[in-house]
C-alpha cells in the first residue's frame, strides 16, 4: 500500500517536471519571438523615420523647384507683358525680391556724367511694395560699383550692414546695359547672410531674360513703325500668302501677255497692210471724184445740175473727207497697237539671261507706253532724252521691268495734275537714268525699308511689296547701283546707274 502510494507520487512529480520543462520551452520560444518582434519593430520604426525624413526633404525640394519654376515662368511672361524696357526691368526686380525672399530691392538707371535715377529714395518689398527708405538707399549706393561699365555675367555678392536691423547682410547686385550709354542696376538686400548657391544660379537667368527682353522691346518698337506691312503680316498670315499668290499671278500674267502679244501680232499685220492698201485706193477714189466733178463743170447744163444734186444728196465731198480722216486715225491706232505689242513682247521675255546692247531710249519709251493707262489722265510724264541713243549691256526685259516698277511707283506717289520727269544722262563709263516725281516724298524710315521684300506703303491689295526688291536684285546683277533721294512733301528722285555698252 505504501509502495503503491510512493509510485503515484513519483509519477505526479515526473508529470510536473514534464510540464515545467514544456513551459520553460514555451517561455523560451516566446522570449525569442518577442526579441524578433522588438527587432523588427525597431527596424520598421527606423525605416519609417528615414522614409519620413526623405519625404520631408523631397517635399522641401519640390516646393523649392516649384518656386524656381514659378520665378522662371513669371520672368518669361514679363517679356511680352511689359510695354517698355524700363517696365520689364522693374518687373524683373519684383520677381527677384519675391524669389529670394529678400528684405528689399532697388533699380538704378545710370549714365555717364549724370546722377543715378532712383524712385524718390524708395525700395521695393514683397510685403509692402514701395516704401520710403533713404538710409537703405544710401547704404546700397555706397556699396555699388557704379563706375563699372561692363555687363555682369553673374550676380555679384557684397557684405553690408543693414541700417534698420544693425546686422550684416548680403547685397546681391547686377548690371545690364540698356543702350545709348545707359546702364540698369538691380540690387537686392537679403534678410541674413545665408545664400543658396542654386538660388544664385537660377537668378543668373535674369541676365538672359533681360537681354532677350530688351531686345524684344527694341524689336517691338521697330515693328510699331512698320504699320502697313509688318503689322498686317502678324495679324493675318493669309494676307502674306495672298501677296505671294498675287506675285505668282503677275508672273503668269506676263507669260499670258507675251502669248496674247504673239497672237495679236499676225492679225494686226493683216489689218495694218489692208488699211494701208485701202487708204491708197481711197486716195485714188478722191482723185477720181475730183476729176468727175471737173468734167461735169466743163459740160455744164443738166450734167452739172445732176452732179450737184447727187453731191448734195450723198454729201460726197464731206463723206470723202470724213473717210480720209478715219483712215488716218485708224492708221495711228494700228501703229499704237503695234508699238504696245512690241513693248509687251520685250517686257515679257527675259531673253534667257543673255546680255546684249540695250537702248535705254527705247526701253523708256516702251515703259511709258506700258504704264499709259496709269498716267494718261492723271499725270504728265516728260522724258528728257539726249540727242543720241544711249546703250547699256544687259537684259532688255529685266531693265524694262525695272523702269516699269520705278515709273509705276512714281505715278502712284504723284498727285493728280503733277508731273513726272525721266532724265537720261551719261558719263564716260556710265549711263544714269533718273525718275523724278512731284509726289509726297518719303521719310528716312521708309527709305531704309523700301528694298525689303513685301514692304509697301500702298493699301492692301494695291501692291505686293516686291517691285523695289526685285528691281534692286536686277540692277545688282547688272553691276549697277540705285540711289534714292527724297524729302517729305517735296518729291522723290530714284537714279539708276549702269555701265555703258
Protein backbone atom coordinates (compact mmCIF):
# COMPACT_ATOMS: atom_id res chain seq x y z
CA UNK A 1 0.00 0.00 0.00
CA UNK A 2 2.72 2.35 1.00
CA UNK A 3 4.73 1.21 -2.03
CA UNK A 4 1.90 1.96 -4.43
CA UNK A 5 1.45 5.41 -2.81
CA UNK A 6 5.13 6.21 -3.41
CA UNK A 7 4.82 5.16 -7.04
CA UNK A 8 1.86 7.51 -7.50
CA UNK A 9 3.75 10.46 -6.05
CA UNK A 10 6.78 9.72 -8.21
CA UNK A 11 4.52 9.68 -11.26
CA UNK A 12 2.97 13.03 -10.32
CA UNK A 13 6.44 14.52 -9.76
CA UNK A 14 7.52 13.27 -13.20
CA UNK A 15 4.44 14.77 -14.82
CA UNK A 16 5.06 18.06 -13.04
CA UNK A 17 8.63 18.09 -14.23
CA UNK A 18 7.48 17.39 -17.79
CA UNK A 19 5.00 20.28 -17.61
CA UNK A 20 7.66 22.59 -16.15
CA UNK A 21 10.05 21.59 -18.95
CA UNK A 22 7.33 22.22 -21.54
CA UNK A 23 6.51 25.59 -20.02
CA UNK A 24 10.20 26.52 -19.98
CA UNK A 25 10.45 25.63 -23.69
CA UNK A 26 7.34 27.70 -24.48
CA UNK A 27 8.70 30.61 -22.46
CA UNK A 28 12.00 30.37 -24.34
CA UNK A 29 10.20 30.40 -27.68
CA UNK A 30 8.07 33.37 -26.62
CA UNK A 31 11.15 35.29 -25.49
CA UNK A 32 12.81 34.58 -28.85
CA UNK A 33 9.67 35.63 -30.73
CA UNK A 34 9.39 38.77 -28.62
CA UNK A 35 13.01 39.57 -29.30
CA UNK A 36 12.45 39.12 -33.03
CA UNK A 37 9.32 41.27 -32.89
CA UNK A 38 11.17 44.01 -30.99
CA UNK A 39 13.99 43.91 -33.57
CA UNK A 40 11.51 44.04 -36.43
CA UNK A 41 9.62 46.88 -34.78
CA UNK A 42 12.83 48.80 -34.22
CA UNK A 43 13.91 48.23 -37.84
CA UNK A 44 10.50 49.24 -39.15
CA UNK A 45 10.48 52.36 -36.98
CA UNK A 46 13.92 53.31 -38.23
CA UNK A 47 12.86 52.77 -41.86
CA UNK A 48 9.70 54.77 -41.30
CA UNK A 49 11.73 57.58 -39.74
CA UNK A 50 14.17 57.62 -42.68
CA UNK A 51 11.32 57.49 -45.18
CA UNK A 52 9.60 60.35 -43.40
CA UNK A 53 12.82 62.38 -43.46
CA UNK A 54 13.30 61.61 -47.15
CA UNK A 55 9.68 62.60 -47.82
CA UNK A 56 10.17 65.86 -45.94
CA UNK A 57 13.34 66.53 -47.92
CA UNK A 58 11.62 65.65 -51.21
CA UNK A 59 8.68 67.89 -50.30
CA UNK A 60 11.09 70.71 -49.47
CA UNK A 61 12.92 70.20 -52.77
CA UNK A 62 9.60 70.04 -54.61
CA UNK A 63 8.47 73.34 -53.11
CA UNK A 64 11.86 74.79 -53.95
CA UNK A 65 11.58 73.61 -57.57
CA UNK A 66 8.03 74.92 -57.71
CA UNK A 67 9.26 78.28 -56.50
CA UNK A 68 12.06 78.27 -59.08
CA UNK A 69 9.69 77.33 -61.89
CA UNK A 70 7.25 80.00 -60.79
CA UNK A 71 10.05 82.59 -60.90
CA UNK A 72 11.26 81.46 -64.34
CA UNK A 73 7.71 81.33 -65.71
CA UNK A 74 6.88 84.77 -64.35
CA UNK A 75 10.12 86.22 -65.73
CA UNK A 76 9.37 84.73 -69.15
CA UNK A 77 5.78 86.00 -69.18
CA UNK A 78 7.00 89.52 -68.40
CA UNK A 79 8.81 89.60 -71.76
CA UNK A 80 5.53 90.21 -73.60
CA UNK A 81 3.53 91.92 -70.84
CA UNK A 82 5.84 94.90 -70.28
CA UNK A 83 5.31 97.84 -72.62
CA UNK A 84 8.83 99.24 -72.25
CA UNK A 85 12.39 98.23 -71.37
CA UNK A 86 12.25 100.06 -68.01
CA UNK A 87 8.92 98.39 -67.21
CA UNK A 88 10.45 94.97 -67.81
CA UNK A 89 13.42 95.82 -65.55
CA UNK A 90 11.14 96.84 -62.66
CA UNK A 91 9.10 93.65 -63.17
CA UNK A 92 12.33 91.63 -63.02
CA UNK A 93 13.23 93.35 -59.72
CA UNK A 94 9.88 92.48 -58.12
CA UNK A 95 10.13 88.85 -59.20
CA UNK A 96 13.71 88.57 -57.89
CA UNK A 97 12.77 90.06 -54.48
CA UNK A 98 9.94 87.57 -54.11
CA UNK A 99 12.02 84.59 -55.30
CA UNK A 100 14.98 85.26 -52.98
CA UNK A 101 12.77 86.35 -50.07
CA UNK A 102 14.97 89.45 -49.91
CA UNK A 103 14.38 92.27 -47.45
CA UNK A 104 14.14 94.81 -50.28
CA UNK A 105 15.41 95.73 -53.74
CA UNK A 106 16.01 98.80 -55.92
CA UNK A 107 16.60 99.69 -59.58
CA UNK A 108 19.11 102.35 -60.63
CA UNK A 109 19.48 103.87 -64.12
CA UNK A 110 22.93 105.39 -64.62
CA UNK A 111 24.61 107.20 -67.50
CA UNK A 112 28.00 108.99 -67.74
CA UNK A 113 28.05 112.44 -66.15
CA UNK A 114 24.58 112.12 -64.58
CA UNK A 115 23.29 111.28 -61.13
CA UNK A 116 21.73 107.80 -60.76
CA UNK A 117 17.98 107.77 -61.38
CA UNK A 118 16.07 106.27 -58.44
CA UNK A 119 12.40 106.44 -57.45
CA UNK A 120 12.37 109.05 -54.62
CA UNK A 121 14.63 107.11 -52.20
CA UNK A 122 12.20 104.20 -52.20
CA UNK A 123 12.86 100.47 -52.10
CA UNK A 124 10.60 97.58 -53.10
CA UNK A 125 9.50 94.98 -50.56
CA UNK A 126 7.37 91.95 -51.31
CA UNK A 127 5.06 92.56 -48.36
CA UNK A 128 4.53 96.34 -48.56
CA UNK A 129 5.52 97.33 -52.11
CA UNK A 130 7.38 100.62 -52.47
CA UNK A 131 8.37 102.15 -49.13
CA UNK A 132 10.49 105.14 -48.13
CA UNK A 133 13.96 104.01 -47.05
CA UNK A 134 16.54 106.80 -47.64
CA UNK A 135 19.01 105.19 -45.21
CA UNK A 136 18.86 101.86 -47.05
CA UNK A 137 19.17 103.56 -50.45
CA UNK A 138 22.22 105.48 -49.24
CA UNK A 139 23.84 102.26 -47.95
CA UNK A 140 23.20 100.49 -51.28
CA UNK A 141 24.57 103.39 -53.34
CA UNK A 142 27.78 103.40 -51.31
CA UNK A 143 28.25 99.65 -51.83
CA UNK A 144 27.55 99.52 -55.59
CA UNK A 145 30.49 99.97 -58.04
CA UNK A 146 28.55 102.45 -60.20
CA UNK A 147 31.66 103.40 -62.18
CA UNK A 148 31.80 99.89 -63.65
CA UNK A 149 30.64 99.94 -67.28
CA UNK A 150 30.68 96.33 -68.49
CA UNK A 151 27.82 93.83 -68.37
CA UNK A 152 27.80 91.39 -65.45
CA UNK A 153 27.97 87.72 -66.36
CA UNK A 154 26.66 86.72 -62.88
CA UNK A 155 25.09 88.30 -59.82
CA UNK A 156 27.76 89.69 -57.50
CA UNK A 157 27.60 89.45 -53.70
CA UNK A 158 28.81 92.07 -51.21
CA UNK A 159 28.56 92.28 -47.41
CA UNK A 160 26.82 95.36 -45.99
CA UNK A 161 25.33 96.39 -42.66
CA UNK A 162 21.56 96.65 -42.67
CA UNK A 163 20.95 100.07 -41.04
CA UNK A 164 17.48 99.01 -39.90
CA UNK A 165 18.34 95.83 -38.00
CA UNK A 166 22.07 96.53 -37.33
CA UNK A 167 23.08 93.18 -38.74
CA UNK A 168 25.46 92.17 -41.51
CA UNK A 169 23.56 91.01 -44.61
CA UNK A 170 24.37 90.33 -48.23
CA UNK A 171 23.85 92.72 -51.17
CA UNK A 172 23.17 90.99 -54.49
CA UNK A 173 23.74 93.30 -57.45
CA UNK A 174 23.66 93.02 -61.21
CA UNK A 175 24.22 95.46 -64.11
CA UNK A 176 22.74 95.33 -67.63
CA UNK A 177 23.42 97.76 -70.49
CA UNK A 178 20.34 99.44 -71.91
CA UNK A 179 21.99 101.13 -74.88
CA UNK A 180 22.58 104.86 -75.52
CA UNK A 181 25.20 104.90 -72.70
CA UNK A 182 22.58 103.88 -70.11
CA UNK A 183 23.05 101.08 -67.57
CA UNK A 184 20.43 99.44 -65.35
CA UNK A 185 21.47 98.24 -61.85
CA UNK A 186 19.40 95.72 -59.89
CA UNK A 187 20.24 95.37 -56.19
CA UNK A 188 18.71 93.04 -53.56
CA UNK A 189 19.31 93.18 -49.80
CA UNK A 190 18.95 89.75 -48.15
CA UNK A 191 17.43 89.21 -44.69
CA UNK A 192 20.51 87.35 -43.44
CA UNK A 193 23.98 86.31 -44.59
CA UNK A 194 22.94 82.85 -45.79
CA UNK A 195 22.87 82.38 -49.59
CA UNK A 196 21.92 79.30 -51.57
CA UNK A 197 24.28 78.58 -54.47
CA UNK A 198 21.47 77.03 -56.50
CA UNK A 199 19.32 80.11 -55.95
CA UNK A 200 22.13 82.29 -57.30
CA UNK A 201 22.37 80.03 -60.34
CA UNK A 202 18.63 80.46 -61.02
CA UNK A 203 18.98 84.22 -60.55
CA UNK A 204 21.63 84.28 -63.28
CA UNK A 205 18.86 83.57 -65.79
CA UNK A 206 17.76 87.18 -65.13
CA UNK A 207 20.63 88.31 -67.35
CA UNK A 208 19.39 86.25 -70.29
CA UNK A 209 15.81 87.33 -69.71
CA UNK A 210 16.87 90.98 -69.55
CA UNK A 211 18.93 90.73 -72.72
CA UNK A 212 16.14 88.94 -74.53
CA UNK A 213 13.50 91.24 -73.07
CA UNK A 214 15.34 94.43 -74.04
CA UNK A 215 15.95 93.01 -77.49
CA UNK A 216 12.29 92.14 -77.69
CA UNK A 217 11.29 95.66 -76.69
CA UNK A 218 13.64 97.11 -79.32
CA UNK A 219 12.18 94.83 -81.96
CA UNK A 220 8.67 95.65 -80.78
CA UNK A 221 9.46 99.36 -81.15
CA UNK A 222 10.65 98.79 -84.73
CA UNK A 223 7.58 96.71 -85.54
CA UNK A 224 5.32 99.59 -84.49
CA UNK A 225 6.84 101.73 -87.25
CA UNK A 226 6.02 99.09 -89.88
CA UNK A 227 2.27 99.60 -89.67
CA UNK A 228 1.40 98.93 -93.28
CA UNK A 229 3.33 95.69 -93.94
CA UNK A 230 4.67 94.04 -90.79
CA UNK A 231 1.64 94.58 -88.57
CA UNK A 232 -0.67 93.23 -91.27
CA UNK A 233 1.63 90.22 -91.73
CA UNK A 234 1.50 89.49 -87.98
CA UNK A 235 -2.28 89.91 -87.76
CA UNK A 236 -3.12 87.80 -90.81
CA UNK A 237 -0.67 85.33 -92.25
CA UNK A 238 -3.11 84.61 -95.04
CA UNK A 239 -2.53 88.15 -96.33
CA UNK A 240 1.13 87.29 -96.91
CA UNK A 241 0.09 84.14 -98.76
CA UNK A 242 -2.24 86.26 -100.85
CA UNK A 243 0.67 88.51 -101.80
CA UNK A 244 2.76 85.52 -102.81
CA UNK A 245 -0.10 84.20 -104.93
CA UNK A 246 -0.52 87.67 -106.42
CA UNK A 247 3.18 87.77 -107.33
CA UNK A 248 2.84 84.37 -108.97
CA UNK A 249 -0.21 85.60 -110.85
CA UNK A 250 1.80 88.60 -112.07
CA UNK A 251 4.45 86.24 -113.45
CA UNK A 252 1.74 84.16 -115.14
CA UNK A 253 0.16 87.37 -116.42
CA UNK A 254 3.48 88.31 -118.02
CA UNK A 255 3.58 84.97 -119.82
CA UNK A 256 -0.06 85.39 -120.83
CA UNK A 257 0.65 88.90 -122.12
CA UNK A 258 3.52 87.54 -124.20
CA UNK A 259 1.22 84.90 -125.67
CA UNK A 260 -1.51 87.44 -126.39
CA UNK A 261 1.03 89.78 -127.99
CA UNK A 262 2.18 86.94 -130.22
CA UNK A 263 -1.39 86.04 -131.20
CA UNK A 264 -2.29 89.69 -131.89
CA UNK A 265 0.84 90.28 -133.95
CA UNK A 266 -0.29 88.28 -137.01
CA UNK A 267 -3.87 89.60 -137.40
CA UNK A 268 -2.76 93.16 -136.68
CA UNK A 269 -0.29 92.73 -139.54
CA UNK A 270 -3.16 91.90 -141.88
CA UNK A 271 -5.20 94.86 -140.64
CA UNK A 272 -2.20 97.17 -140.95
CA UNK A 273 -1.49 96.06 -144.51
CA UNK A 274 -5.13 96.13 -145.62
CA UNK A 275 -5.70 99.53 -144.07
CA UNK A 276 -2.68 100.91 -145.89
CA UNK A 277 -3.90 99.50 -149.25
CA UNK A 278 -7.47 100.69 -148.63
CA UNK A 279 -6.13 104.14 -147.79
CA UNK A 280 -4.24 104.30 -151.09
CA UNK A 281 -7.32 103.05 -153.03
CA UNK A 282 -9.48 105.68 -151.36
CA UNK A 283 -7.00 108.38 -152.35
CA UNK A 284 -7.49 107.22 -155.96
CA UNK A 285 -11.26 107.42 -155.38
CA UNK A 286 -10.92 111.01 -154.14
CA UNK A 287 -8.85 111.88 -157.20
CA UNK A 288 -11.42 110.24 -159.47
CA UNK A 289 -14.24 112.11 -157.73
CA UNK A 290 -12.39 115.39 -158.29
CA UNK A 291 -11.86 114.58 -161.99
CA UNK A 292 -15.57 113.70 -162.41
CA UNK A 293 -16.55 117.00 -160.77
CA UNK A 294 -14.22 118.83 -163.16
CA UNK A 295 -15.72 117.14 -166.24
CA UNK A 296 -19.25 117.90 -165.04
CA UNK A 297 -18.36 121.56 -164.56
CA UNK A 298 -16.92 121.65 -168.10
CA UNK A 299 -20.05 120.02 -169.54
CA UNK A 300 -22.39 122.31 -167.61
CA UNK A 301 -26.14 122.19 -168.13
CA UNK A 302 -28.13 119.18 -166.94
CA UNK A 303 -24.99 117.09 -166.29
CA UNK A 304 -23.59 119.64 -163.80
CA UNK A 305 -27.02 120.05 -162.18
CA UNK A 306 -27.43 116.26 -161.79
CA UNK A 307 -23.90 116.00 -160.31
CA UNK A 308 -24.59 118.71 -157.79
CA UNK A 309 -27.90 117.02 -156.94
CA UNK A 310 -26.08 113.74 -156.25
CA UNK A 311 -23.36 115.60 -154.27
CA UNK A 312 -25.96 117.31 -152.09
CA UNK A 313 -27.96 114.10 -151.59
CA UNK A 314 -24.98 111.91 -150.63
CA UNK A 315 -22.53 114.60 -149.29
CA UNK A 316 -19.81 113.13 -151.48
CA UNK A 317 -17.03 115.61 -150.62
CA UNK A 318 -17.83 115.74 -146.92
CA UNK A 319 -18.03 111.93 -146.73
CA UNK A 320 -14.75 111.62 -148.58
CA UNK A 321 -13.04 114.00 -146.16
CA UNK A 322 -14.53 112.13 -143.15
CA UNK A 323 -13.45 108.75 -144.53
CA UNK A 324 -9.92 110.07 -145.19
CA UNK A 325 -9.77 111.32 -141.58
CA UNK A 326 -10.98 107.89 -140.36
CA UNK A 327 -8.21 106.21 -142.33
CA UNK A 328 -5.63 108.50 -140.67
CA UNK A 329 -6.99 107.81 -137.17
CA UNK A 330 -7.17 104.06 -137.87
CA UNK A 331 -3.57 104.07 -139.09
CA UNK A 332 -2.45 105.89 -135.94
CA UNK A 333 -4.41 103.43 -133.76
CA UNK A 334 -2.92 100.43 -135.56
CA UNK A 335 0.61 101.81 -135.19
CA UNK A 336 -0.06 102.34 -131.48
CA UNK A 337 -1.26 98.74 -131.12
CA UNK A 338 1.91 97.55 -132.90
CA UNK A 339 4.07 99.57 -130.50
CA UNK A 340 2.19 98.21 -127.46
CA UNK A 341 2.54 94.63 -128.73
CA UNK A 342 6.25 95.21 -129.30
CA UNK A 343 6.61 96.61 -125.75
CA UNK A 344 4.68 93.67 -124.26
CA UNK A 345 6.90 91.16 -126.03
CA UNK A 346 10.02 92.97 -124.89
CA UNK A 347 8.73 93.22 -121.30
CA UNK A 348 7.60 89.59 -121.06
CA UNK A 349 10.63 87.77 -122.47
CA UNK A 350 13.79 87.93 -120.29
CA UNK A 351 15.98 86.69 -123.19
CA UNK A 352 17.04 83.66 -121.08
CA UNK A 353 19.59 85.69 -119.14
CA UNK A 354 21.53 86.75 -122.26
CA UNK A 355 23.28 90.11 -122.21
CA UNK A 356 23.28 92.40 -125.24
CA UNK A 357 23.32 96.09 -126.10
CA UNK A 358 20.08 97.63 -124.81
CA UNK A 359 18.78 101.01 -125.95
CA UNK A 360 17.70 102.96 -122.89
CA UNK A 361 15.73 105.41 -125.05
CA UNK A 362 13.64 102.57 -126.47
CA UNK A 363 13.32 100.97 -123.01
CA UNK A 364 12.00 104.23 -121.52
CA UNK A 365 9.54 104.79 -124.38
CA UNK A 366 8.24 101.23 -124.00
CA UNK A 367 7.85 101.67 -120.22
CA UNK A 368 5.92 104.90 -120.77
CA UNK A 369 3.59 103.12 -123.20
CA UNK A 370 3.08 100.18 -120.84
CA UNK A 371 2.06 102.49 -117.99
CA UNK A 372 -0.01 104.85 -120.15
CA UNK A 373 -3.29 103.70 -118.60
CA UNK A 374 -1.97 104.75 -115.18
CA UNK A 375 -0.82 108.28 -116.05
CA UNK A 376 -2.72 109.24 -119.22
CA UNK A 377 -5.48 111.15 -117.41
CA UNK A 378 -3.61 111.80 -114.15
CA UNK A 379 -0.01 112.97 -114.64
CA UNK A 380 2.26 114.42 -117.26
CA UNK A 381 5.24 112.13 -117.96
CA UNK A 382 8.14 114.00 -119.58
CA UNK A 383 11.12 112.11 -121.00
CA UNK A 384 14.17 114.35 -121.34
CA UNK A 385 16.35 112.32 -123.69
CA UNK A 386 19.77 113.16 -125.15
CA UNK A 387 20.14 113.92 -128.85
CA UNK A 388 21.62 110.45 -129.45
CA UNK A 389 20.85 106.95 -128.23
CA UNK A 390 22.46 105.60 -125.06
CA UNK A 391 23.07 101.87 -124.76
CA UNK A 392 24.00 99.60 -121.86
CA UNK A 393 25.00 95.95 -121.75
CA UNK A 394 22.28 93.88 -120.12
CA UNK A 395 18.99 92.02 -120.34
CA UNK A 396 16.40 94.15 -122.16
CA UNK A 397 13.37 92.57 -120.48
CA UNK A 398 14.81 92.93 -116.96
CA UNK A 399 15.92 96.55 -117.49
CA UNK A 400 12.46 97.41 -118.83
CA UNK A 401 10.92 95.68 -115.78
CA UNK A 402 12.94 97.98 -113.51
CA UNK A 403 11.81 101.07 -115.46
CA UNK A 404 8.16 99.99 -115.27
CA UNK A 405 8.47 99.46 -111.49
CA UNK A 406 10.10 102.88 -110.95
CA UNK A 407 7.58 104.66 -113.16
CA UNK A 408 4.61 102.87 -111.55
CA UNK A 409 5.78 103.89 -108.06
CA UNK A 410 6.29 107.49 -109.22
CA UNK A 411 2.77 107.60 -110.71
CA UNK A 412 1.28 106.16 -107.51
CA UNK A 413 3.11 108.72 -105.33
CA UNK A 414 2.32 111.76 -107.51
CA UNK A 415 -1.00 113.59 -107.02
CA UNK A 416 -3.24 114.29 -110.00
CA UNK A 417 -2.07 117.24 -112.10
CA UNK A 418 1.58 116.96 -111.03
CA UNK A 419 4.42 115.96 -113.37
CA UNK A 420 6.96 113.16 -113.59
CA UNK A 421 10.35 113.69 -115.27
CA UNK A 422 12.57 110.98 -116.73
CA UNK A 423 16.15 112.05 -117.45
CA UNK A 424 18.91 110.15 -119.22
CA UNK A 425 22.47 111.35 -118.63
CA UNK A 426 25.83 109.77 -119.29
CA UNK A 427 29.47 109.85 -118.28
CA UNK A 428 32.46 108.21 -119.92
CA UNK A 429 31.58 104.82 -118.41
CA UNK A 430 28.05 105.09 -117.01
CA UNK A 431 24.51 105.71 -118.15
CA UNK A 432 22.41 107.39 -115.45
CA UNK A 433 18.62 107.14 -115.68
CA UNK A 434 16.61 109.23 -113.19
CA UNK A 435 12.88 109.15 -112.42
CA UNK A 436 11.80 112.30 -110.57
CA UNK A 437 8.28 112.83 -109.26
CA UNK A 438 6.46 115.71 -107.59
CA UNK A 439 4.83 113.44 -105.05
CA UNK A 440 4.59 113.34 -101.27
CA UNK A 441 8.18 112.15 -100.69
CA UNK A 442 9.35 109.56 -98.17
CA UNK A 443 10.67 109.62 -94.62
CA UNK A 444 14.11 108.20 -93.81
CA UNK A 445 12.43 105.24 -92.13
CA UNK A 446 10.54 104.36 -95.32
CA UNK A 447 13.66 104.82 -97.47
CA UNK A 448 15.57 102.40 -95.23
CA UNK A 449 12.89 99.74 -95.73
CA UNK A 450 11.81 100.34 -99.34
CA UNK A 451 14.01 97.49 -100.69
CA UNK A 452 12.79 95.00 -98.07
CA UNK A 453 10.69 92.20 -99.65
CA UNK A 454 6.92 92.63 -99.06
CA UNK A 455 7.33 96.16 -97.64
CA UNK A 456 4.83 98.54 -99.22
CA UNK A 457 3.14 101.82 -98.36
CA UNK A 458 0.22 101.03 -100.64
CA UNK A 459 -3.12 99.83 -99.21
CA UNK A 460 -3.71 96.05 -99.04
CA UNK A 461 -4.43 94.68 -102.49
CA UNK A 462 -2.74 97.53 -104.40
CA UNK A 463 0.78 96.15 -104.26
CA UNK A 464 2.85 93.09 -103.37
CA UNK A 465 5.84 94.97 -101.92
CA UNK A 466 8.17 93.07 -104.28
CA UNK A 467 8.77 95.65 -107.03
CA UNK A 468 11.69 97.55 -105.50
CA UNK A 469 13.23 94.40 -104.05
CA UNK A 470 13.22 92.75 -107.48
CA UNK A 471 14.50 95.95 -109.10
CA UNK A 472 17.44 96.15 -106.71
CA UNK A 473 18.30 92.50 -107.39
CA UNK A 474 18.22 93.08 -111.17
CA UNK A 475 20.39 96.22 -111.00
CA UNK A 476 22.93 94.50 -108.73
CA UNK A 477 23.07 91.57 -111.16
CA UNK A 478 23.90 94.13 -113.86
CA UNK A 479 26.68 95.52 -111.61
CA UNK A 480 24.80 98.79 -111.29
CA UNK A 481 23.57 100.96 -108.43
CA UNK A 482 20.28 102.53 -107.29
CA UNK A 483 20.28 105.83 -105.41
CA UNK A 484 17.21 107.31 -103.71
CA UNK A 485 16.89 110.98 -102.75
CA UNK A 486 13.61 112.04 -101.15
CA UNK A 487 12.20 114.72 -98.91
CA UNK A 488 8.75 114.63 -97.41
CA UNK A 489 6.24 116.84 -99.24
CA UNK A 490 8.86 117.65 -101.92
CA UNK A 491 9.07 114.54 -104.07
CA UNK A 492 11.45 111.69 -104.79
CA UNK A 493 14.24 111.02 -107.31
CA UNK A 494 15.37 107.45 -107.99
CA UNK A 495 18.58 107.19 -110.07
CA UNK A 496 19.85 104.01 -111.71
CA UNK A 497 23.48 103.83 -112.85
CA UNK A 498 24.52 101.14 -115.38
CA UNK A 499 27.72 100.52 -117.33
CA UNK A 500 27.56 101.72 -120.91
CA UNK A 501 27.85 99.17 -123.71
